[in-house]
């Protein structure tokens, strides 16, 4: 590790970013966004990853569970490391491809 740049290491004369997280913290390098206005309420995301997605009781569209929301926004959030795989699977299985993942 380069002590001047935490989270970076030197390899083959190039600096590369190392993803550091543990299972209790969110993956701060993964942002999930739901395009809620295009949701068809199929339930695929909350069935696949019920620890991160849920159905909104007012409009029946998908939303992110409150504990993982970014700034209280029901459509954006950061999953825990434990939920990363099921969030990816839910995004892959979404029939209208409205779940976007940024890294």
PDB file of N, CA and C in Angstrom:
ATOM      1  N   UNK A   1       0.833  -1.194   0.000  1.00  0.00           N
ATOM      2  CA  UNK A   1       0.000   0.000   0.000  1.00  0.00           C
ATOM      3  C   UNK A   1       0.867   1.243   0.000  1.00  0.00           C
ATOM      4  N   UNK A   2       0.460   2.211  -0.693  1.00  0.00           N
ATOM      5  CA  UNK A   2       1.126   3.494  -0.717  1.00  0.00           C
ATOM      6  C   UNK A   2       0.609   4.311   0.464  1.00  0.00           C
ATOM      7  N   UNK A   3       1.444   4.657   1.448  1.00  0.00           N
ATOM      8  CA  UNK A   3       0.963   5.374   2.625  1.00  0.00           C
ATOM      9  C   UNK A   3       0.427   6.759   2.317  1.00  0.00           C
ATOM     10  N   UNK A   4       0.799   7.324   1.179  1.00  0.00           N
ATOM     11  CA  UNK A   4       0.304   8.641   0.815  1.00  0.00           C
ATOM     12  C   UNK A   4      -1.091   8.584   0.221  1.00  0.00           C
ATOM     13  N   UNK A   5      -1.509   7.449  -0.279  1.00  0.00           N
ATOM     14  CA  UNK A   5      -2.821   7.288  -0.902  1.00  0.00           C
ATOM     15  C   UNK A   5      -3.484   6.040  -0.351  1.00  0.00           C
ATOM     16  N   UNK A   6      -4.221   6.160   0.754  1.00  0.00           N
ATOM     17  CA  UNK A   6      -4.885   4.978   1.309  1.00  0.00           C
ATOM     18  C   UNK A   6      -5.800   4.326   0.284  1.00  0.00           C
ATOM     19  N   UNK A   7      -5.785   2.982   0.263  1.00  0.00           N
ATOM     20  CA  UNK A   7      -6.625   2.254  -0.674  1.00  0.00           C
ATOM     21  C   UNK A   7      -5.969   2.040  -2.031  1.00  0.00           C
ATOM     22  N   UNK A   8      -4.725   2.479  -2.177  1.00  0.00           N
ATOM     23  CA  UNK A   8      -4.021   2.290  -3.443  1.00  0.00           C
ATOM     24  C   UNK A   8      -2.804   1.411  -3.202  1.00  0.00           C
ATOM     25  N   UNK A   9      -2.417   0.635  -4.179  1.00  0.00           N
ATOM     26  CA  UNK A   9      -1.189  -0.154  -4.071  1.00  0.00           C
ATOM     27  C   UNK A   9      -0.375   0.036  -5.340  1.00  0.00           C
ATOM     28  N   UNK A  10       0.867  -0.294  -5.243  1.00  0.00           N
ATOM     29  CA  UNK A  10       1.755  -0.168  -6.388  1.00  0.00           C
ATOM     30  C   UNK A  10       1.985  -1.556  -6.954  1.00  0.00           C
ATOM     31  N   UNK A  11       1.741  -1.739  -8.217  1.00  0.00           N
ATOM     32  CA  UNK A  11       1.940  -3.033  -8.859  1.00  0.00           C
ATOM     33  C   UNK A  11       2.439  -2.798 -10.272  1.00  0.00           C
ATOM     34  N   UNK A  12       3.569  -3.433 -10.594  1.00  0.00           N
ATOM     35  CA  UNK A  12       4.161  -3.331 -11.927  1.00  0.00           C
ATOM     36  C   UNK A  12       4.307  -1.876 -12.360  1.00  0.00           C
ATOM     37  N   UNK A  13       4.743  -1.046 -11.446  1.00  0.00           N
ATOM     38  CA  UNK A  13       4.994   0.368 -11.677  1.00  0.00           C
ATOM     39  C   UNK A  13       3.749   1.167 -12.026  1.00  0.00           C
ATOM     40  N   UNK A  14       2.588   0.624 -11.703  1.00  0.00           N
ATOM     41  CA  UNK A  14       1.339   1.337 -11.937  1.00  0.00           C
ATOM     42  C   UNK A  14       0.538   1.315 -10.651  1.00  0.00           C
ATOM     43  N   UNK A  15      -0.148   2.401 -10.388  1.00  0.00           N
ATOM     44  CA  UNK A  15      -1.035   2.432  -9.240  1.00  0.00           C
ATOM     45  C   UNK A  15      -2.378   1.871  -9.646  1.00  0.00           C
ATOM     46  N   UNK A  16      -2.953   1.071  -8.793  1.00  0.00           N
ATOM     47  CA  UNK A  16      -4.278   0.555  -9.087  1.00  0.00           C
ATOM     48  C   UNK A  16      -5.134   0.666  -7.837  1.00  0.00           C
ATOM     49  N   UNK A  17      -6.403   0.899  -8.030  1.00  0.00           N
ATOM     50  CA  UNK A  17      -7.350   1.047  -6.941  1.00  0.00           C
ATOM     51  C   UNK A  17      -7.729  -0.326  -6.405  1.00  0.00           C
ATOM     52  N   UNK A  18      -7.722  -0.483  -5.110  1.00  0.00           N
ATOM     53  CA  UNK A  18      -8.133  -1.717  -4.460  1.00  0.00           C
ATOM     54  C   UNK A  18      -9.467  -1.451  -3.776  1.00  0.00           C
ATOM     55  N   UNK A  19     -10.435  -2.305  -4.035  1.00  0.00           N
ATOM     56  CA  UNK A  19     -11.736  -2.190  -3.385  1.00  0.00           C
ATOM     57  C   UNK A  19     -11.620  -2.769  -1.988  1.00  0.00           C
ATOM     58  N   UNK A  20     -11.912  -1.958  -1.013  1.00  0.00           N
ATOM     59  CA  UNK A  20     -11.837  -2.399   0.365  1.00  0.00           C
ATOM     60  C   UNK A  20     -13.220  -2.272   0.977  1.00  0.00           C
ATOM     61  N   UNK A  21     -13.725  -3.362   1.505  1.00  0.00           N
ATOM     62  CA  UNK A  21     -15.001  -3.349   2.207  1.00  0.00           C
ATOM     63  C   UNK A  21     -15.035  -4.538   3.139  1.00  0.00           C
ATOM     64  N   UNK A  22     -15.920  -4.484   4.126  1.00  0.00           N
ATOM     65  CA  UNK A  22     -16.154  -5.682   4.908  1.00  0.00           C
ATOM     66  C   UNK A  22     -17.639  -5.961   4.912  1.00  0.00           C
ATOM     67  N   UNK A  23     -18.018  -7.104   5.420  1.00  0.00           N
ATOM     68  CA  UNK A  23     -19.388  -7.563   5.298  1.00  0.00           C
ATOM     69  C   UNK A  23     -20.400  -6.731   6.076  1.00  0.00           C
ATOM     70  N   UNK A  24     -19.966  -5.898   6.988  1.00  0.00           N
ATOM     71  CA  UNK A  24     -20.917  -5.102   7.753  1.00  0.00           C
ATOM     72  C   UNK A  24     -21.118  -3.719   7.157  1.00  0.00           C
ATOM     73  N   UNK A  25     -20.224  -3.317   6.305  1.00  0.00           N
ATOM     74  CA  UNK A  25     -20.315  -1.988   5.705  1.00  0.00           C
ATOM     75  C   UNK A  25     -20.918  -2.061   4.315  1.00  0.00           C
ATOM     76  N   UNK A  26     -21.421  -0.915   3.853  1.00  0.00           N
ATOM     77  CA  UNK A  26     -21.910  -0.850   2.486  1.00  0.00           C
ATOM     78  C   UNK A  26     -20.755  -0.883   1.511  1.00  0.00           C
ATOM     79  N   UNK A  27     -21.051  -1.259   0.306  1.00  0.00           N
ATOM     80  CA  UNK A  27     -20.049  -1.228  -0.761  1.00  0.00           C
ATOM     81  C   UNK A  27     -20.058   0.196  -1.296  1.00  0.00           C
ATOM     82  N   UNK A  28     -19.233   1.066  -0.764  1.00  0.00           N
ATOM     83  CA  UNK A  28     -19.300   2.470  -1.139  1.00  0.00           C
ATOM     84  C   UNK A  28     -18.921   2.716  -2.591  1.00  0.00           C
ATOM     85  N   UNK A  29     -18.471   1.690  -3.284  1.00  0.00           N
ATOM     86  CA  UNK A  29     -18.109   1.810  -4.690  1.00  0.00           C
ATOM     87  C   UNK A  29     -19.203   1.286  -5.605  1.00  0.00           C
ATOM     88  N   UNK A  30     -20.346   0.891  -5.033  1.00  0.00           N
ATOM     89  CA  UNK A  30     -21.464   0.384  -5.832  1.00  0.00           C
ATOM     90  C   UNK A  30     -22.706   1.219  -5.556  1.00  0.00           C
ATOM     91  N   UNK A  31     -23.230   1.829  -6.598  1.00  0.00           N
ATOM     92  CA  UNK A  31     -24.450   2.624  -6.460  1.00  0.00           C
ATOM     93  C   UNK A  31     -25.542   1.963  -7.300  1.00  0.00           C
ATOM     94  N   UNK A  32     -26.709   1.784  -6.702  1.00  0.00           N
ATOM     95  CA  UNK A  32     -27.841   1.161  -7.375  1.00  0.00           C
ATOM     96  C   UNK A  32     -28.928   2.209  -7.567  1.00  0.00           C
ATOM     97  N   UNK A  33     -29.476   2.277  -8.767  1.00  0.00           N
ATOM     98  CA  UNK A  33     -30.560   3.210  -9.071  1.00  0.00           C
ATOM     99  C   UNK A  33     -31.700   2.443  -9.735  1.00  0.00           C
ATOM    100  N   UNK A  34     -32.916   2.726  -9.280  1.00  0.00           N
ATOM    101  CA  UNK A  34     -34.111   2.138  -9.887  1.00  0.00           C
ATOM    102  C   UNK A  34     -34.815   3.242 -10.672  1.00  0.00           C
ATOM    103  N   UNK A  35     -35.085   3.000 -11.939  1.00  0.00           N
ATOM    104  CA  UNK A  35     -35.868   3.947 -12.743  1.00  0.00           C
ATOM    105  C   UNK A  35     -37.345   3.640 -12.475  1.00  0.00           C
ATOM    106  N   UNK A  36     -37.836   4.140 -11.358  1.00  0.00           N
ATOM    107  CA  UNK A  36     -39.149   3.764 -10.844  1.00  0.00           C
ATOM    108  C   UNK A  36     -40.301   4.089 -11.791  1.00  0.00           C
ATOM    109  N   UNK A  37     -40.179   5.137 -12.584  1.00  0.00           N
ATOM    110  CA  UNK A  37     -41.269   5.510 -13.494  1.00  0.00           C
ATOM    111  C   UNK A  37     -41.488   4.469 -14.596  1.00  0.00           C
ATOM    112  N   UNK A  38     -40.523   3.557 -14.765  1.00  0.00           N
ATOM    113  CA  UNK A  38     -40.662   2.496 -15.767  1.00  0.00           C
ATOM    114  C   UNK A  38     -40.914   1.127 -15.143  1.00  0.00           C
ATOM    115  N   UNK A  39     -41.053   1.073 -13.825  1.00  0.00           N
ATOM    116  CA  UNK A  39     -41.278  -0.189 -13.118  1.00  0.00           C
ATOM    117  C   UNK A  39     -42.652  -0.753 -13.479  1.00  0.00           C
ATOM    118  N   UNK A  40     -42.703  -2.082 -13.653  1.00  0.00           N
ATOM    119  CA  UNK A  40     -43.974  -2.747 -13.968  1.00  0.00           C
ATOM    120  C   UNK A  40     -44.491  -3.571 -12.785  1.00  0.00           C
ATOM    121  N   UNK A  41     -43.855  -3.424 -11.642  1.00  0.00           N
ATOM    122  CA  UNK A  41     -44.275  -4.089 -10.393  1.00  0.00           C
ATOM    123  C   UNK A  41     -44.358  -5.605 -10.518  1.00  0.00           C
ATOM    124  N   UNK A  42     -43.430  -6.194 -11.242  1.00  0.00           N
ATOM    125  CA  UNK A  42     -43.449  -7.653 -11.424  1.00  0.00           C
ATOM    126  C   UNK A  42     -43.029  -8.395 -10.165  1.00  0.00           C
ATOM    127  N   UNK A  43     -42.245  -7.745  -9.305  1.00  0.00           N
ATOM    128  CA  UNK A  43     -41.795  -8.361  -8.072  1.00  0.00           C
ATOM    129  C   UNK A  43     -40.501  -9.135  -8.174  1.00  0.00           C
ATOM    130  N   UNK A  44     -39.929  -9.178  -9.359  1.00  0.00           N
ATOM    131  CA  UNK A  44     -38.705  -9.962  -9.550  1.00  0.00           C
ATOM    132  C   UNK A  44     -37.584  -9.484  -8.632  1.00  0.00           C
ATOM    133  N   UNK A  45     -37.409  -8.186  -8.471  1.00  0.00           N
ATOM    134  CA  UNK A  45     -36.289  -7.675  -7.662  1.00  0.00           C
ATOM    135  C   UNK A  45     -36.483  -7.967  -6.180  1.00  0.00           C
ATOM    136  N   UNK A  46     -37.686  -7.718  -5.646  1.00  0.00           N
ATOM    137  CA  UNK A  46     -37.861  -7.966  -4.213  1.00  0.00           C
ATOM    138  C   UNK A  46     -37.990  -9.452  -3.897  1.00  0.00           C
ATOM    139  N   UNK A  47     -38.349 -10.273  -4.869  1.00  0.00           N
ATOM    140  CA  UNK A  47     -38.321 -11.725  -4.658  1.00  0.00           C
ATOM    141  C   UNK A  47     -36.887 -12.254  -4.687  1.00  0.00           C
ATOM    142  N   UNK A  48     -36.065 -11.701  -5.578  1.00  0.00           N
ATOM    143  CA  UNK A  48     -34.680 -12.136  -5.739  1.00  0.00           C
ATOM    144  C   UNK A  48     -33.779 -11.619  -4.620  1.00  0.00           C
ATOM    145  N   UNK A  49     -34.016 -10.379  -4.196  1.00  0.00           N
ATOM    146  CA  UNK A  49     -33.154  -9.752  -3.191  1.00  0.00           C
ATOM    147  C   UNK A  49     -34.008  -8.978  -2.181  1.00  0.00           C
ATOM    148  N   UNK A  50     -34.749  -9.696  -1.338  1.00  0.00           N
ATOM    149  CA  UNK A  50     -35.669  -9.039  -0.401  1.00  0.00           C
ATOM    150  C   UNK A  50     -34.985  -8.269   0.722  1.00  0.00           C
ATOM    151  N   UNK A  51     -33.680  -8.435   0.861  1.00  0.00           N
ATOM    152  CA  UNK A  51     -32.958  -7.682   1.879  1.00  0.00           C
ATOM    153  C   UNK A  51     -32.537  -6.301   1.388  1.00  0.00           C
ATOM    154  N   UNK A  52     -32.760  -6.022   0.096  1.00  0.00           N
ATOM    155  CA  UNK A  52     -32.395  -4.715  -0.475  1.00  0.00           C
ATOM    156  C   UNK A  52     -33.562  -4.013  -1.163  1.00  0.00           C
ATOM    157  N   UNK A  53     -34.424  -4.773  -1.849  1.00  0.00           N
ATOM    158  CA  UNK A  53     -35.563  -4.206  -2.572  1.00  0.00           C
ATOM    159  C   UNK A  53     -36.867  -4.559  -1.865  1.00  0.00           C
ATOM    160  N   UNK A  54     -37.850  -3.666  -2.002  1.00  0.00           N
ATOM    161  CA  UNK A  54     -39.190  -3.936  -1.480  1.00  0.00           C
ATOM    162  C   UNK A  54     -40.207  -3.231  -2.363  1.00  0.00           C
ATOM    163  N   UNK A  55     -41.464  -3.614  -2.205  1.00  0.00           N
ATOM    164  CA  UNK A  55     -42.549  -2.983  -2.958  1.00  0.00           C
ATOM    165  C   UNK A  55     -43.058  -1.784  -2.171  1.00  0.00           C
ATOM    166  N   UNK A  56     -43.182  -0.659  -2.847  1.00  0.00           N
ATOM    167  CA  UNK A  56     -43.715   0.553  -2.227  1.00  0.00           C
ATOM    168  C   UNK A  56     -45.209   0.366  -1.986  1.00  0.00           C
ATOM    169  N   UNK A  57     -45.655   0.625  -0.782  1.00  0.00           N
ATOM    170  CA  UNK A  57     -47.061   0.389  -0.435  1.00  0.00           C
ATOM    171  C   UNK A  57     -48.009   1.403  -1.060  1.00  0.00           C
ATOM    172  N   UNK A  58     -47.508   2.558  -1.490  1.00  0.00           N
ATOM    173  CA  UNK A  58     -48.372   3.577  -2.095  1.00  0.00           C
ATOM    174  C   UNK A  58     -48.592   3.388  -3.588  1.00  0.00           C
ATOM    175  N   UNK A  59     -47.505   3.113  -4.337  1.00  0.00           N
ATOM    176  CA  UNK A  59     -47.646   3.018  -5.795  1.00  0.00           C
ATOM    177  C   UNK A  59     -47.337   1.626  -6.351  1.00  0.00           C
ATOM    178  N   UNK A  60     -46.950   0.702  -5.509  1.00  0.00           N
ATOM    179  CA  UNK A  60     -46.639  -0.691  -5.824  1.00  0.00           C
ATOM    180  C   UNK A  60     -45.342  -0.886  -6.614  1.00  0.00           C
ATOM    181  N   UNK A  61     -44.609   0.174  -6.892  1.00  0.00           N
ATOM    182  CA  UNK A  61     -43.343   0.052  -7.613  1.00  0.00           C
ATOM    183  C   UNK A  61     -42.222  -0.367  -6.659  1.00  0.00           C
ATOM    184  N   UNK A  62     -41.140  -0.823  -7.235  1.00  0.00           N
ATOM    185  CA  UNK A  62     -39.975  -1.219  -6.463  1.00  0.00           C
ATOM    186  C   UNK A  62     -39.319   0.000  -5.820  1.00  0.00           C
ATOM    187  N   UNK A  63     -38.766  -0.231  -4.635  1.00  0.00           N
ATOM    188  CA  UNK A  63     -37.973   0.794  -3.958  1.00  0.00           C
ATOM    189  C   UNK A  63     -36.879   0.104  -3.166  1.00  0.00           C
ATOM    190  N   UNK A  64     -35.902   0.883  -2.747  1.00  0.00           N
ATOM    191  CA  UNK A  64     -34.794   0.368  -1.953  1.00  0.00           C
ATOM    192  C   UNK A  64     -35.178   0.466  -0.483  1.00  0.00           C
ATOM    193  N   UNK A  65     -34.878  -0.574   0.248  1.00  0.00           N
ATOM    194  CA  UNK A  65     -35.180  -0.596   1.680  1.00  0.00           C
ATOM    195  C   UNK A  65     -34.491   0.581   2.365  1.00  0.00           C
ATOM    196  N   UNK A  66     -35.182   1.186   3.286  1.00  0.00           N
ATOM    197  CA  UNK A  66     -34.744   2.437   3.910  1.00  0.00           C
ATOM    198  C   UNK A  66     -33.308   2.418   4.429  1.00  0.00           C
ATOM    199  N   UNK A  67     -32.880   1.337   5.032  1.00  0.00           N
ATOM    200  CA  UNK A  67     -31.528   1.275   5.596  1.00  0.00           C
ATOM    201  C   UNK A  67     -30.421   1.454   4.567  1.00  0.00           C
ATOM    202  N   UNK A  68     -30.720   1.214   3.292  1.00  0.00           N
ATOM    203  CA  UNK A  68     -29.692   1.274   2.249  1.00  0.00           C
ATOM    204  C   UNK A  68     -29.840   2.455   1.300  1.00  0.00           C
ATOM    205  N   UNK A  69     -30.817   3.317   1.539  1.00  0.00           N
ATOM    206  CA  UNK A  69     -31.064   4.460   0.651  1.00  0.00           C
ATOM    207  C   UNK A  69     -29.966   5.502   0.761  1.00  0.00           C
ATOM    208  N   UNK A  70     -29.749   6.203  -0.343  1.00  0.00           N
ATOM    209  CA  UNK A  70     -28.807   7.316  -0.376  1.00  0.00           C
ATOM    210  C   UNK A  70     -29.586   8.608  -0.162  1.00  0.00           C
ATOM    211  N   UNK A  71     -29.332   9.261   0.939  1.00  0.00           N
ATOM    212  CA  UNK A  71     -29.988  10.529   1.223  1.00  0.00           C
ATOM    213  C   UNK A  71     -31.497  10.429   1.335  1.00  0.00           C
ATOM    214  N   UNK A  72     -31.999   9.278   1.714  1.00  0.00           N
ATOM    215  CA  UNK A  72     -33.437   9.100   1.855  1.00  0.00           C
ATOM    216  C   UNK A  72     -34.185   8.872   0.557  1.00  0.00           C
ATOM    217  N   UNK A  73     -33.484   8.856  -0.562  1.00  0.00           N
ATOM    218  CA  UNK A  73     -34.106   8.664  -1.872  1.00  0.00           C
ATOM    219  C   UNK A  73     -34.485   7.196  -2.048  1.00  0.00           C
ATOM    220  N   UNK A  74     -35.754   6.917  -2.286  1.00  0.00           N
ATOM    221  CA  UNK A  74     -36.223   5.529  -2.411  1.00  0.00           C
ATOM    222  C   UNK A  74     -35.721   4.832  -3.669  1.00  0.00           C
ATOM    223  N   UNK A  75     -35.157   5.581  -4.601  1.00  0.00           N
ATOM    224  CA  UNK A  75     -34.715   5.011  -5.880  1.00  0.00           C
ATOM    225  C   UNK A  75     -33.211   4.828  -6.002  1.00  0.00           C
ATOM    226  N   UNK A  76     -32.437   5.272  -5.024  1.00  0.00           N
ATOM    227  CA  UNK A  76     -30.981   5.095  -5.084  1.00  0.00           C
ATOM    228  C   UNK A  76     -30.468   4.569  -3.749  1.00  0.00           C
ATOM    229  N   UNK A  77     -29.425   3.757  -3.831  1.00  0.00           N
ATOM    230  CA  UNK A  77     -28.863   3.228  -2.603  1.00  0.00           C
ATOM    231  C   UNK A  77     -27.565   2.480  -2.814  1.00  0.00           C
ATOM    232  N   UNK A  78     -27.017   2.048  -1.693  1.00  0.00           N
ATOM    233  CA  UNK A  78     -25.775   1.319  -1.672  1.00  0.00           C
ATOM    234  C   UNK A  78     -25.981   0.044  -0.868  1.00  0.00           C
ATOM    235  N   UNK A  79     -25.814  -1.110  -1.488  1.00  0.00           N
ATOM    236  CA  UNK A  79     -26.043  -2.370  -0.769  1.00  0.00           C
ATOM    237  C   UNK A  79     -24.901  -2.716   0.171  1.00  0.00           C
ATOM    238  N   UNK A  80     -25.194  -3.585   1.125  1.00  0.00           N
ATOM    239  CA  UNK A  80     -24.134  -4.149   1.957  1.00  0.00           C
ATOM    240  C   UNK A  80     -23.342  -5.122   1.089  1.00  0.00           C
ATOM    241  N   UNK A  81     -22.181  -5.474   1.529  1.00  0.00           N
ATOM    242  CA  UNK A  81     -21.370  -6.447   0.798  1.00  0.00           C
ATOM    243  C   UNK A  81     -22.098  -7.788   0.685  1.00  0.00           C
ATOM    244  N   UNK A  82     -22.866  -8.126   1.714  1.00  0.00           N
ATOM    245  CA  UNK A  82     -23.624  -9.378   1.688  1.00  0.00           C
ATOM    246  C   UNK A  82     -24.697  -9.392   0.608  1.00  0.00           C
ATOM    247  N   UNK A  83     -25.225  -8.222   0.254  1.00  0.00           N
ATOM    248  CA  UNK A  83     -26.309  -8.124  -0.730  1.00  0.00           C
ATOM    249  C   UNK A  83     -25.834  -7.904  -2.159  1.00  0.00           C
ATOM    250  N   UNK A  84     -24.554  -7.698  -2.344  1.00  0.00           N
ATOM    251  CA  UNK A  84     -24.046  -7.362  -3.684  1.00  0.00           C
ATOM    252  C   UNK A  84     -24.463  -8.384  -4.736  1.00  0.00           C
ATOM    253  N   UNK A  85     -24.309  -9.649  -4.459  1.00  0.00           N
ATOM    254  CA  UNK A  85     -24.621 -10.688  -5.455  1.00  0.00           C
ATOM    255  C   UNK A  85     -26.103 -10.718  -5.798  1.00  0.00           C
ATOM    256  N   UNK A  86     -26.974 -10.631  -4.793  1.00  0.00           N
ATOM    257  CA  UNK A  86     -28.403 -10.701  -5.101  1.00  0.00           C
ATOM    258  C   UNK A  86     -28.889  -9.422  -5.778  1.00  0.00           C
ATOM    259  N   UNK A  87     -28.260  -8.272  -5.502  1.00  0.00           N
ATOM    260  CA  UNK A  87     -28.609  -7.031  -6.211  1.00  0.00           C
ATOM    261  C   UNK A  87     -28.261  -7.178  -7.693  1.00  0.00           C
ATOM    262  N   UNK A  88     -27.094  -7.723  -7.971  1.00  0.00           N
ATOM    263  CA  UNK A  88     -26.693  -7.949  -9.372  1.00  0.00           C
ATOM    264  C   UNK A  88     -27.649  -8.916 -10.063  1.00  0.00           C
ATOM    265  N   UNK A  89     -28.032  -9.970  -9.359  1.00  0.00           N
ATOM    266  CA  UNK A  89     -28.956 -10.936  -9.937  1.00  0.00           C
ATOM    267  C   UNK A  89     -30.316 -10.293 -10.206  1.00  0.00           C
ATOM    268  N   UNK A  90     -30.796  -9.486  -9.263  1.00  0.00           N
ATOM    269  CA  UNK A  90     -32.077  -8.801  -9.454  1.00  0.00           C
ATOM    270  C   UNK A  90     -32.014  -7.872 -10.668  1.00  0.00           C
ATOM    271  N   UNK A  91     -30.914  -7.161 -10.829  1.00  0.00           N
ATOM    272  CA  UNK A  91     -30.759  -6.271 -11.986  1.00  0.00           C
ATOM    273  C   UNK A  91     -30.761  -7.080 -13.287  1.00  0.00           C
ATOM    274  N   UNK A  92     -30.088  -8.211 -13.279  1.00  0.00           N
ATOM    275  CA  UNK A  92     -30.042  -9.072 -14.468  1.00  0.00           C
ATOM    276  C   UNK A  92     -31.406  -9.654 -14.813  1.00  0.00           C
ATOM    277  N   UNK A  93     -32.203  -9.955 -13.800  1.00  0.00           N
ATOM    278  CA  UNK A  93     -33.504 -10.592 -14.012  1.00  0.00           C
ATOM    279  C   UNK A  93     -34.649  -9.611 -14.259  1.00  0.00           C
ATOM    280  N   UNK A  94     -34.422  -8.341 -14.030  1.00  0.00           N
ATOM    281  CA  UNK A  94     -35.480  -7.343 -14.218  1.00  0.00           C
ATOM    282  C   UNK A  94     -35.942  -7.352 -15.683  1.00  0.00           C
ATOM    283  N   UNK A  95     -37.226  -7.622 -15.930  1.00  0.00           N
ATOM    284  CA  UNK A  95     -37.691  -7.741 -17.320  1.00  0.00           C
ATOM    285  C   UNK A  95     -37.703  -6.428 -18.096  1.00  0.00           C
ATOM    286  N   UNK A  96     -37.684  -5.307 -17.390  1.00  0.00           N
ATOM    287  CA  UNK A  96     -37.680  -4.010 -18.074  1.00  0.00           C
ATOM    288  C   UNK A  96     -36.349  -3.265 -17.871  1.00  0.00           C
ATOM    289  N   UNK A  97     -35.358  -3.943 -17.340  1.00  0.00           N
ATOM    290  CA  UNK A  97     -33.990  -3.439 -17.144  1.00  0.00           C
ATOM    291  C   UNK A  97     -33.919  -2.033 -16.566  1.00  0.00           C
ATOM    292  N   UNK A  98     -34.618  -1.825 -15.459  1.00  0.00           N
ATOM    293  CA  UNK A  98     -34.650  -0.495 -14.835  1.00  0.00           C
ATOM    294  C   UNK A  98     -33.739  -0.381 -13.624  1.00  0.00           C
ATOM    295  N   UNK A  99     -33.057  -1.452 -13.254  1.00  0.00           N
ATOM    296  CA  UNK A  99     -32.144  -1.416 -12.130  1.00  0.00           C
ATOM    297  C   UNK A  99     -30.745  -1.223 -12.688  1.00  0.00           C
ATOM    298  N   UNK A 100     -30.153  -0.086 -12.362  1.00  0.00           N
ATOM    299  CA  UNK A 100     -28.834   0.270 -12.890  1.00  0.00           C
ATOM    300  C   UNK A 100     -27.800   0.197 -11.773  1.00  0.00           C
ATOM    301  N   UNK A 101     -26.640  -0.341 -12.095  1.00  0.00           N
ATOM    302  CA  UNK A 101     -25.542  -0.463 -11.142  1.00  0.00           C
ATOM    303  C   UNK A 101     -24.350   0.323 -11.669  1.00  0.00           C
ATOM    304  N   UNK A 102     -23.843   1.216 -10.813  1.00  0.00           N
ATOM    305  CA  UNK A 102     -22.642   1.988 -11.142  1.00  0.00           C
ATOM    306  C   UNK A 102     -21.536   1.581 -10.182  1.00  0.00           C
ATOM    307  N   UNK A 103     -20.338   1.430 -10.737  1.00  0.00           N
ATOM    308  CA  UNK A 103     -19.188   1.092  -9.894  1.00  0.00           C
ATOM    309  C   UNK A 103     -18.064   2.068 -10.134  1.00  0.00           C
TER     310      UNK A 103
END
